[in-house]
mmCIF file of all heavy atoms, coordinates in Angstrom:
data_MODEL
# 
_entry.id   MODEL 
# 
loop_
_atom_site.group_PDB 
_atom_site.id 
_atom_site.type_symbol 
_atom_site.label_atom_id 
_atom_site.label_alt_id 
_atom_site.label_comp_id 
_atom_site.label_asym_id 
_atom_site.label_entity_id 
_atom_site.label_seq_id 
_atom_site.pdbx_PDB_ins_code 
_atom_site.Cartn_x 
_atom_site.Cartn_y 
_atom_site.Cartn_z 
_atom_site.occupancy 
_atom_site.B_iso_or_equiv 
_atom_site.pdbx_formal_charge 
_atom_site.auth_seq_id 
_atom_site.auth_comp_id 
_atom_site.auth_asym_id 
_atom_site.auth_atom_id 
_atom_site.pdbx_PDB_model_num 
ATOM 1   N N   . LEU A 1 1  ? 27.734 -5.037  6.558   1.00 0.00 ? 1  LEU A N   1 
ATOM 2   C CA  . LEU A 1 1  ? 27.574 -5.634  5.234   1.00 0.00 ? 1  LEU A CA  1 
ATOM 3   C C   . LEU A 1 1  ? 26.469 -6.680  5.270   1.00 0.00 ? 1  LEU A C   1 
ATOM 4   O O   . LEU A 1 1  ? 26.683 -7.813  5.709   1.00 0.00 ? 1  LEU A O   1 
ATOM 5   C CB  . LEU A 1 1  ? 28.892 -6.270  4.790   1.00 0.00 ? 1  LEU A CB  1 
ATOM 6   C CG  . LEU A 1 1  ? 30.128 -5.365  4.862   1.00 0.00 ? 1  LEU A CG  1 
ATOM 7   C CD1 . LEU A 1 1  ? 31.384 -6.168  4.549   1.00 0.00 ? 1  LEU A CD1 1 
ATOM 8   C CD2 . LEU A 1 1  ? 29.990 -4.186  3.908   1.00 0.00 ? 1  LEU A CD2 1 
ATOM 9   N N   . PRO A 1 2  ? 25.257 -6.336  4.814   1.00 0.00 ? 2  PRO A N   1 
ATOM 10  C CA  . PRO A 1 2  ? 24.150 -7.289  4.868   1.00 0.00 ? 2  PRO A CA  1 
ATOM 11  C C   . PRO A 1 2  ? 24.200 -8.318  3.754   1.00 0.00 ? 2  PRO A C   1 
ATOM 12  O O   . PRO A 1 2  ? 24.604 -8.008  2.623   1.00 0.00 ? 2  PRO A O   1 
ATOM 13  C CB  . PRO A 1 2  ? 22.916 -6.389  4.707   1.00 0.00 ? 2  PRO A CB  1 
ATOM 14  C CG  . PRO A 1 2  ? 23.407 -5.285  3.816   1.00 0.00 ? 2  PRO A CG  1 
ATOM 15  C CD  . PRO A 1 2  ? 24.850 -5.045  4.234   1.00 0.00 ? 2  PRO A CD  1 
ATOM 16  N N   . THR A 1 3  ? 23.805 -9.544  4.060   1.00 0.00 ? 3  THR A N   1 
ATOM 17  C CA  . THR A 1 3  ? 23.613 -10.529 3.005   1.00 0.00 ? 3  THR A CA  1 
ATOM 18  C C   . THR A 1 3  ? 22.365 -10.136 2.210   1.00 0.00 ? 3  THR A C   1 
ATOM 19  O O   . THR A 1 3  ? 21.511 -9.389  2.708   1.00 0.00 ? 3  THR A O   1 
ATOM 20  C CB  . THR A 1 3  ? 23.412 -11.930 3.593   1.00 0.00 ? 3  THR A CB  1 
ATOM 21  O OG1 . THR A 1 3  ? 22.194 -11.935 4.364   1.00 0.00 ? 3  THR A OG1 1 
ATOM 22  C CG2 . THR A 1 3  ? 24.587 -12.339 4.476   1.00 0.00 ? 3  THR A CG2 1 
ATOM 23  N N   . PRO A 1 4  ? 22.215 -10.625 0.974   1.00 0.00 ? 4  PRO A N   1 
ATOM 24  C CA  . PRO A 1 4  ? 21.004 -10.309 0.199   1.00 0.00 ? 4  PRO A CA  1 
ATOM 25  C C   . PRO A 1 4  ? 19.723 -10.693 0.931   1.00 0.00 ? 4  PRO A C   1 
ATOM 26  O O   . PRO A 1 4  ? 18.737 -9.945  0.896   1.00 0.00 ? 4  PRO A O   1 
ATOM 27  C CB  . PRO A 1 4  ? 21.199 -11.128 -1.079  1.00 0.00 ? 4  PRO A CB  1 
ATOM 28  C CG  . PRO A 1 4  ? 22.683 -11.228 -1.233  1.00 0.00 ? 4  PRO A CG  1 
ATOM 29  C CD  . PRO A 1 4  ? 23.209 -11.366 0.164   1.00 0.00 ? 4  PRO A CD  1 
ATOM 30  N N   . ALA A 1 5  ? 19.735 -11.835 1.619   1.00 0.00 ? 5  ALA A N   1 
ATOM 31  C CA  . ALA A 1 5  ? 18.539 -12.269 2.343   1.00 0.00 ? 5  ALA A CA  1 
ATOM 32  C C   . ALA A 1 5  ? 18.212 -11.310 3.475   1.00 0.00 ? 5  ALA A C   1 
ATOM 33  O O   . ALA A 1 5  ? 17.040 -10.978 3.714   1.00 0.00 ? 5  ALA A O   1 
ATOM 34  C CB  . ALA A 1 5  ? 18.732 -13.685 2.881   1.00 0.00 ? 5  ALA A CB  1 
ATOM 35  N N   . PHE A 1 6  ? 19.227 -10.867 4.194   1.00 0.00 ? 6  PHE A N   1 
ATOM 36  C CA  . PHE A 1 6  ? 18.990 -9.938  5.298   1.00 0.00 ? 6  PHE A CA  1 
ATOM 37  C C   . PHE A 1 6  ? 18.473 -8.609  4.765   1.00 0.00 ? 6  PHE A C   1 
ATOM 38  O O   . PHE A 1 6  ? 17.553 -8.020  5.331   1.00 0.00 ? 6  PHE A O   1 
ATOM 39  C CB  . PHE A 1 6  ? 20.279 -9.726  6.097   1.00 0.00 ? 6  PHE A CB  1 
ATOM 40  C CG  . PHE A 1 6  ? 20.071 -8.888  7.333   1.00 0.00 ? 6  PHE A CG  1 
ATOM 41  C CD1 . PHE A 1 6  ? 19.798 -9.496  8.546   1.00 0.00 ? 6  PHE A CD1 1 
ATOM 42  C CD2 . PHE A 1 6  ? 20.128 -7.500  7.282   1.00 0.00 ? 6  PHE A CD2 1 
ATOM 43  C CE1 . PHE A 1 6  ? 19.592 -8.733  9.695   1.00 0.00 ? 6  PHE A CE1 1 
ATOM 44  C CE2 . PHE A 1 6  ? 19.922 -6.732  8.416   1.00 0.00 ? 6  PHE A CE2 1 
ATOM 45  C CZ  . PHE A 1 6  ? 19.658 -7.350  9.635   1.00 0.00 ? 6  PHE A CZ  1 
ATOM 46  N N   . ARG A 1 7  ? 19.066 -8.119  3.676   1.00 0.00 ? 7  ARG A N   1 
ATOM 47  C CA  . ARG A 1 7  ? 18.661 -6.836  3.116   1.00 0.00 ? 7  ARG A CA  1 
ATOM 48  C C   . ARG A 1 7  ? 17.190 -6.866  2.715   1.00 0.00 ? 7  ARG A C   1 
ATOM 49  O O   . ARG A 1 7  ? 16.414 -5.975  3.066   1.00 0.00 ? 7  ARG A O   1 
ATOM 50  C CB  . ARG A 1 7  ? 19.516 -6.488  1.901   1.00 0.00 ? 7  ARG A CB  1 
ATOM 51  C CG  . ARG A 1 7  ? 19.158 -5.146  1.254   1.00 0.00 ? 7  ARG A CG  1 
ATOM 52  C CD  . ARG A 1 7  ? 19.937 -4.902  -0.025  1.00 0.00 ? 7  ARG A CD  1 
ATOM 53  N NE  . ARG A 1 7  ? 21.369 -4.989  0.181   1.00 0.00 ? 7  ARG A NE  1 
ATOM 54  C CZ  . ARG A 1 7  ? 22.129 -5.991  -0.259  1.00 0.00 ? 7  ARG A CZ  1 
ATOM 55  N NH1 . ARG A 1 7  ? 21.582 -7.005  -0.920  1.00 0.00 ? 7  ARG A NH1 1 
ATOM 56  N NH2 . ARG A 1 7  ? 23.410 -5.995  -0.043  1.00 0.00 ? 7  ARG A NH2 1 
ATOM 57  N N   . ARG A 1 8  ? 16.788 -7.918  2.010   1.00 0.00 ? 8  ARG A N   1 
ATOM 58  C CA  . ARG A 1 8  ? 15.391 -7.992  1.558   1.00 0.00 ? 8  ARG A CA  1 
ATOM 59  C C   . ARG A 1 8  ? 14.441 -8.099  2.749   1.00 0.00 ? 8  ARG A C   1 
ATOM 60  O O   . ARG A 1 8  ? 13.406 -7.436  2.777   1.00 0.00 ? 8  ARG A O   1 
ATOM 61  C CB  . ARG A 1 8  ? 15.208 -9.177  0.615   1.00 0.00 ? 8  ARG A CB  1 
ATOM 62  C CG  . ARG A 1 8  ? 13.796 -9.225  0.033   1.00 0.00 ? 8  ARG A CG  1 
ATOM 63  C CD  . ARG A 1 8  ? 13.592 -10.299 -1.010  1.00 0.00 ? 8  ARG A CD  1 
ATOM 64  N NE  . ARG A 1 8  ? 12.250 -10.196 -1.545  1.00 0.00 ? 8  ARG A NE  1 
ATOM 65  C CZ  . ARG A 1 8  ? 11.947 -9.935  -2.802  1.00 0.00 ? 8  ARG A CZ  1 
ATOM 66  N NH1 . ARG A 1 8  ? 12.917 -9.723  -3.679  1.00 0.00 ? 8  ARG A NH1 1 
ATOM 67  N NH2 . ARG A 1 8  ? 10.700 -9.869  -3.200  1.00 0.00 ? 8  ARG A NH2 1 
ATOM 68  N N   . ALA A 1 9  ? 14.792 -8.940  3.718   1.00 0.00 ? 9  ALA A N   1 
ATOM 69  C CA  . ALA A 1 9  ? 13.935 -9.103  4.899   1.00 0.00 ? 9  ALA A CA  1 
ATOM 70  C C   . ALA A 1 9  ? 13.816 -7.787  5.665   1.00 0.00 ? 9  ALA A C   1 
ATOM 71  O O   . ALA A 1 9  ? 12.736 -7.438  6.162   1.00 0.00 ? 9  ALA A O   1 
ATOM 72  C CB  . ALA A 1 9  ? 14.489 -10.198 5.796   1.00 0.00 ? 9  ALA A CB  1 
ATOM 73  N N   . ALA A 1 10 ? 14.913 -7.051  5.768   1.00 0.00 ? 10 ALA A N   1 
ATOM 74  C CA  . ALA A 1 10 ? 14.891 -5.783  6.490   1.00 0.00 ? 10 ALA A CA  1 
ATOM 75  C C   . ALA A 1 10 ? 13.989 -4.774  5.783   1.00 0.00 ? 10 ALA A C   1 
ATOM 76  O O   . ALA A 1 10 ? 13.203 -4.068  6.426   1.00 0.00 ? 10 ALA A O   1 
ATOM 77  C CB  . ALA A 1 10 ? 16.308 -5.230  6.620   1.00 0.00 ? 10 ALA A CB  1 
ATOM 78  N N   . LEU A 1 11 ? 14.084 -4.707  4.470   1.00 0.00 ? 11 LEU A N   1 
ATOM 79  C CA  . LEU A 1 11 ? 13.244 -3.778  3.721   1.00 0.00 ? 11 LEU A CA  1 
ATOM 80  C C   . LEU A 1 11 ? 11.776 -4.165  3.823   1.00 0.00 ? 11 LEU A C   1 
ATOM 81  O O   . LEU A 1 11 ? 10.903 -3.300  3.947   1.00 0.00 ? 11 LEU A O   1 
ATOM 82  C CB  . LEU A 1 11 ? 13.691 -3.729  2.261   1.00 0.00 ? 11 LEU A CB  1 
ATOM 83  C CG  . LEU A 1 11 ? 15.063 -3.112  1.998   1.00 0.00 ? 11 LEU A CG  1 
ATOM 84  C CD1 . LEU A 1 11 ? 15.454 -3.263  0.541   1.00 0.00 ? 11 LEU A CD1 1 
ATOM 85  C CD2 . LEU A 1 11 ? 15.085 -1.638  2.396   1.00 0.00 ? 11 LEU A CD2 1 
ATOM 86  N N   . GLU A 1 12 ? 11.492 -5.458  3.780   1.00 0.00 ? 12 GLU A N   1 
ATOM 87  C CA  . GLU A 1 12 ? 10.117 -5.917  3.916   1.00 0.00 ? 12 GLU A CA  1 
ATOM 88  C C   . GLU A 1 12 ? 9.559  -5.583  5.292   1.00 0.00 ? 12 GLU A C   1 
ATOM 89  O O   . GLU A 1 12 ? 8.414  -5.136  5.428   1.00 0.00 ? 12 GLU A O   1 
ATOM 90  C CB  . GLU A 1 12 ? 10.031 -7.426  3.666   1.00 0.00 ? 12 GLU A CB  1 
ATOM 91  C CG  . GLU A 1 12 ? 10.178 -7.812  2.206   1.00 0.00 ? 12 GLU A CG  1 
ATOM 92  C CD  . GLU A 1 12 ? 10.153 -9.323  2.004   1.00 0.00 ? 12 GLU A CD  1 
ATOM 93  O OE1 . GLU A 1 12 ? 10.465 -10.058 2.973   1.00 0.00 ? 12 GLU A OE1 1 
ATOM 94  O OE2 . GLU A 1 12 ? 9.822  -9.757  0.887   1.00 0.00 ? 12 GLU A OE2 1 
ATOM 95  N N   . SER A 1 13 ? 10.351 -5.783  6.322   1.00 0.00 ? 13 SER A N   1 
ATOM 96  C CA  . SER A 1 13 ? 9.875  -5.581  7.691   1.00 0.00 ? 13 SER A CA  1 
ATOM 97  C C   . SER A 1 13 ? 9.529  -4.125  7.980   1.00 0.00 ? 13 SER A C   1 
ATOM 98  O O   . SER A 1 13 ? 8.649  -3.839  8.784   1.00 0.00 ? 13 SER A O   1 
ATOM 99  C CB  . SER A 1 13 ? 10.918 -6.080  8.697   1.00 0.00 ? 13 SER A CB  1 
ATOM 100 O OG  . SER A 1 13 ? 12.074 -5.245  8.689   1.00 0.00 ? 13 SER A OG  1 
ATOM 101 N N   . ARG A 1 14 ? 10.225 -3.210  7.311   1.00 0.00 ? 14 ARG A N   1 
ATOM 102 C CA  . ARG A 1 14 ? 9.928  -1.795  7.562   1.00 0.00 ? 14 ARG A CA  1 
ATOM 103 C C   . ARG A 1 14 ? 9.093  -1.167  6.460   1.00 0.00 ? 14 ARG A C   1 
ATOM 104 O O   . ARG A 1 14 ? 8.920  0.046   6.419   1.00 0.00 ? 14 ARG A O   1 
ATOM 105 C CB  . ARG A 1 14 ? 11.232 -1.023  7.759   1.00 0.00 ? 14 ARG A CB  1 
ATOM 106 C CG  . ARG A 1 14 ? 12.139 -0.940  6.555   1.00 0.00 ? 14 ARG A CG  1 
ATOM 107 C CD  . ARG A 1 14 ? 13.507 -0.414  6.967   1.00 0.00 ? 14 ARG A CD  1 
ATOM 108 N NE  . ARG A 1 14 ? 14.344 -0.093  5.819   1.00 0.00 ? 14 ARG A NE  1 
ATOM 109 C CZ  . ARG A 1 14 ? 15.662 -0.013  5.881   1.00 0.00 ? 14 ARG A CZ  1 
ATOM 110 N NH1 . ARG A 1 14 ? 16.275 -0.244  7.019   1.00 0.00 ? 14 ARG A NH1 1 
ATOM 111 N NH2 . ARG A 1 14 ? 16.363 0.322   4.813   1.00 0.00 ? 14 ARG A NH2 1 
ATOM 112 N N   . GLY A 1 15 ? 8.551  -2.008  5.573   1.00 0.00 ? 15 GLY A N   1 
ATOM 113 C CA  . GLY A 1 15 ? 7.626  -1.526  4.561   1.00 0.00 ? 15 GLY A CA  1 
ATOM 114 C C   . GLY A 1 15 ? 8.251  -0.728  3.437   1.00 0.00 ? 15 GLY A C   1 
ATOM 115 O O   . GLY A 1 15 ? 7.552  0.000   2.729   1.00 0.00 ? 15 GLY A O   1 
ATOM 116 N N   . GLY A 1 16 ? 9.548  -0.876  3.253   1.00 0.00 ? 16 GLY A N   1 
ATOM 117 C CA  . GLY A 1 16 ? 10.216 -0.077  2.235   1.00 0.00 ? 16 GLY A CA  1 
ATOM 118 C C   . GLY A 1 16 ? 10.598 -0.827  0.973   1.00 0.00 ? 16 GLY A C   1 
ATOM 119 O O   . GLY A 1 16 ? 11.251 -0.268  0.095   1.00 0.00 ? 16 GLY A O   1 
ATOM 120 N N   . LEU A 1 17 ? 10.163 -2.104  0.879   1.00 0.00 ? 17 LEU A N   1 
ATOM 121 C CA  . LEU A 1 17 ? 10.608 -2.917  -0.249  1.00 0.00 ? 17 LEU A CA  1 
ATOM 122 C C   . LEU A 1 17 ? 10.167 -2.331  -1.593  1.00 0.00 ? 17 LEU A C   1 
ATOM 123 O O   . LEU A 1 17 ? 10.936 -2.320  -2.556  1.00 0.00 ? 17 LEU A O   1 
ATOM 124 C CB  . LEU A 1 17 ? 10.085 -4.348  -0.093  1.00 0.00 ? 17 LEU A CB  1 
ATOM 125 C CG  . LEU A 1 17 ? 10.640 -5.389  -1.071  1.00 0.00 ? 17 LEU A CG  1 
ATOM 126 C CD1 . LEU A 1 17 ? 12.142 -5.532  -0.895  1.00 0.00 ? 17 LEU A CD1 1 
ATOM 127 C CD2 . LEU A 1 17 ? 9.961  -6.741  -0.869  1.00 0.00 ? 17 LEU A CD2 1 
ATOM 128 N N   . TRP A 1 18 ? 8.931  -1.819  -1.648  1.00 0.00 ? 18 TRP A N   1 
ATOM 129 C CA  . TRP A 1 18 ? 8.391  -1.308  -2.910  1.00 0.00 ? 18 TRP A CA  1 
ATOM 130 C C   . TRP A 1 18 ? 8.319  0.216   -2.926  1.00 0.00 ? 18 TRP A C   1 
ATOM 131 O O   . TRP A 1 18 ? 7.705  0.798   -3.809  1.00 0.00 ? 18 TRP A O   1 
ATOM 132 C CB  . TRP A 1 18 ? 7.003  -1.893  -3.154  1.00 0.00 ? 18 TRP A CB  1 
ATOM 133 C CG  . TRP A 1 18 ? 7.014  -3.378  -3.274  1.00 0.00 ? 18 TRP A CG  1 
ATOM 134 C CD1 . TRP A 1 18 ? 6.746  -4.284  -2.294  1.00 0.00 ? 18 TRP A CD1 1 
ATOM 135 C CD2 . TRP A 1 18 ? 7.339  -4.146  -4.439  1.00 0.00 ? 18 TRP A CD2 1 
ATOM 136 N NE1 . TRP A 1 18 ? 6.892  -5.564  -2.773  1.00 0.00 ? 18 TRP A NE1 1 
ATOM 137 C CE2 . TRP A 1 18 ? 7.249  -5.517  -4.075  1.00 0.00 ? 18 TRP A CE2 1 
ATOM 138 C CE3 . TRP A 1 18 ? 7.701  -3.812  -5.754  1.00 0.00 ? 18 TRP A CE3 1 
ATOM 139 C CZ2 . TRP A 1 18 ? 7.505  -6.546  -4.985  1.00 0.00 ? 18 TRP A CZ2 1 
ATOM 140 C CZ3 . TRP A 1 18 ? 7.955  -4.826  -6.653  1.00 0.00 ? 18 TRP A CZ3 1 
ATOM 141 C CH2 . TRP A 1 18 ? 7.852  -6.178  -6.270  1.00 0.00 ? 18 TRP A CH2 1 
ATOM 142 N N   . GLN A 1 19 ? 8.942  0.865   -1.965  1.00 0.00 ? 19 GLN A N   1 
ATOM 143 C CA  . GLN A 1 19 ? 8.818  2.311   -1.839  1.00 0.00 ? 19 GLN A CA  1 
ATOM 144 C C   . GLN A 1 19 ? 9.272  3.040   -3.099  1.00 0.00 ? 19 GLN A C   1 
ATOM 145 O O   . GLN A 1 19 ? 8.627  3.993   -3.547  1.00 0.00 ? 19 GLN A O   1 
ATOM 146 C CB  . GLN A 1 19 ? 9.622  2.798   -0.637  1.00 0.00 ? 19 GLN A CB  1 
ATOM 147 C CG  . GLN A 1 19 ? 9.461  4.287   -0.338  1.00 0.00 ? 19 GLN A CG  1 
ATOM 148 C CD  . GLN A 1 19 ? 10.169 4.686   0.947   1.00 0.00 ? 19 GLN A CD  1 
ATOM 149 O OE1 . GLN A 1 19 ? 10.924 3.913   1.522   1.00 0.00 ? 19 GLN A OE1 1 
ATOM 150 N NE2 . GLN A 1 19 ? 9.925  5.905   1.394   1.00 0.00 ? 19 GLN A NE2 1 
ATOM 151 N N   . ILE A 1 20 ? 10.386 2.625   -3.662  1.00 0.00 ? 20 ILE A N   1 
ATOM 152 C CA  . ILE A 1 20 ? 10.881 3.233   -4.901  1.00 0.00 ? 20 ILE A CA  1 
ATOM 153 C C   . ILE A 1 20 ? 10.333 2.497   -6.115  1.00 0.00 ? 20 ILE A C   1 
ATOM 154 O O   . ILE A 1 20 ? 9.788  3.110   -7.033  1.00 0.00 ? 20 ILE A O   1 
ATOM 155 C CB  . ILE A 1 20 ? 12.420 3.237   -4.926  1.00 0.00 ? 20 ILE A CB  1 
ATOM 156 C CG1 . ILE A 1 20 ? 12.975 4.173   -3.852  1.00 0.00 ? 20 ILE A CG1 1 
ATOM 157 C CG2 . ILE A 1 20 ? 12.944 3.660   -6.306  1.00 0.00 ? 20 ILE A CG2 1 
ATOM 158 C CD1 . ILE A 1 20 ? 14.487 4.146   -3.737  1.00 0.00 ? 20 ILE A CD1 1 
ATOM 159 N N   . ALA A 1 21 ? 10.466 1.184   -6.110  1.00 0.00 ? 21 ALA A N   1 
ATOM 160 C CA  . ALA A 1 21 ? 10.059 0.389   -7.274  1.00 0.00 ? 21 ALA A CA  1 
ATOM 161 C C   . ALA A 1 21 ? 8.580  0.566   -7.604  1.00 0.00 ? 21 ALA A C   1 
ATOM 162 O O   . ALA A 1 21 ? 8.191  0.554   -8.774  1.00 0.00 ? 21 ALA A O   1 
ATOM 163 C CB  . ALA A 1 21 ? 10.359 -1.088  -7.021  1.00 0.00 ? 21 ALA A CB  1 
ATOM 164 N N   . GLY A 1 22 ? 7.753  0.753   -6.572  1.00 0.00 ? 22 GLY A N   1 
ATOM 165 C CA  . GLY A 1 22 ? 6.318  0.894   -6.789  1.00 0.00 ? 22 GLY A CA  1 
ATOM 166 C C   . GLY A 1 22 ? 5.925  2.166   -7.504  1.00 0.00 ? 22 GLY A C   1 
ATOM 167 O O   . GLY A 1 22 ? 4.769  2.308   -7.929  1.00 0.00 ? 22 GLY A O   1 
ATOM 168 N N   . ARG A 1 23 ? 6.846  3.080   -7.661  1.00 0.00 ? 23 ARG A N   1 
ATOM 169 C CA  . ARG A 1 23 ? 6.559  4.345   -8.351  1.00 0.00 ? 23 ARG A CA  1 
ATOM 170 C C   . ARG A 1 23 ? 7.028  4.315   -9.811  1.00 0.00 ? 23 ARG A C   1 
ATOM 171 O O   . ARG A 1 23 ? 7.071  5.343   -10.478 1.00 0.00 ? 23 ARG A O   1 
ATOM 172 C CB  . ARG A 1 23 ? 7.227  5.500   -7.601  1.00 0.00 ? 23 ARG A CB  1 
ATOM 173 C CG  . ARG A 1 23 ? 6.661  5.714   -6.207  1.00 0.00 ? 23 ARG A CG  1 
ATOM 174 C CD  . ARG A 1 23 ? 7.584  6.544   -5.333  1.00 0.00 ? 23 ARG A CD  1 
ATOM 175 N NE  . ARG A 1 23 ? 7.889  7.841   -5.931  1.00 0.00 ? 23 ARG A NE  1 
ATOM 176 C CZ  . ARG A 1 23 ? 8.923  8.593   -5.601  1.00 0.00 ? 23 ARG A CZ  1 
ATOM 177 N NH1 . ARG A 1 23 ? 9.793  8.152   -4.691  1.00 0.00 ? 23 ARG A NH1 1 
ATOM 178 N NH2 . ARG A 1 23 ? 9.123  9.753   -6.182  1.00 0.00 ? 23 ARG A NH2 1 
ATOM 179 N N   . THR A 1 24 ? 7.381  3.143   -10.302 1.00 0.00 ? 24 THR A N   1 
ATOM 180 C CA  . THR A 1 24 ? 7.798  2.985   -11.692 1.00 0.00 ? 24 THR A CA  1 
ATOM 181 C C   . THR A 1 24 ? 6.720  2.236   -12.478 1.00 0.00 ? 24 THR A C   1 
ATOM 182 O O   . THR A 1 24 ? 5.762  1.718   -11.906 1.00 0.00 ? 24 THR A O   1 
ATOM 183 C CB  . THR A 1 24 ? 9.121  2.197   -11.800 1.00 0.00 ? 24 THR A CB  1 
ATOM 184 O OG1 . THR A 1 24 ? 8.872  0.817   -11.449 1.00 0.00 ? 24 THR A OG1 1 
ATOM 185 C CG2 . THR A 1 24 ? 10.174 2.769   -10.866 1.00 0.00 ? 24 THR A CG2 1 
ATOM 186 N N   . SER A 1 25 ? 6.909  2.134   -13.790 1.00 0.00 ? 25 SER A N   1 
ATOM 187 C CA  . SER A 1 25 ? 5.952  1.420   -14.632 1.00 0.00 ? 25 SER A CA  1 
ATOM 188 C C   . SER A 1 25 ? 6.152  -0.092  -14.579 1.00 0.00 ? 25 SER A C   1 
ATOM 189 O O   . SER A 1 25 ? 5.289  -0.845  -15.031 1.00 0.00 ? 25 SER A O   1 
ATOM 190 C CB  . SER A 1 25 ? 6.068  1.899   -16.086 1.00 0.00 ? 25 SER A CB  1 
ATOM 191 O OG  . SER A 1 25 ? 7.340  1.547   -16.635 1.00 0.00 ? 25 SER A OG  1 
ATOM 192 N N   . ASN A 1 26 ? 7.263  -0.538  -14.040 1.00 0.00 ? 26 ASN A N   1 
ATOM 193 C CA  . ASN A 1 26 ? 7.574  -1.965  -13.953 1.00 0.00 ? 26 ASN A CA  1 
ATOM 194 C C   . ASN A 1 26 ? 8.199  -2.250  -12.583 1.00 0.00 ? 26 ASN A C   1 
ATOM 195 O O   . ASN A 1 26 ? 9.413  -2.402  -12.463 1.00 0.00 ? 26 ASN A O   1 
ATOM 196 C CB  . ASN A 1 26 ? 8.523  -2.366  -15.087 1.00 0.00 ? 26 ASN A CB  1 
ATOM 197 C CG  . ASN A 1 26 ? 8.666  -3.868  -15.221 1.00 0.00 ? 26 ASN A CG  1 
ATOM 198 O OD1 . ASN A 1 26 ? 8.464  -4.625  -14.260 1.00 0.00 ? 26 ASN A OD1 1 
ATOM 199 N ND2 . ASN A 1 26 ? 9.023  -4.329  -16.419 1.00 0.00 ? 26 ASN A ND2 1 
# 
């Protein structure tokens, strides 16, 4: 169970933070 801070840091570290969101209009 990741904390919100851990989840965001983990996604950033592996380059996946914008993987889905970056394919939207916003």
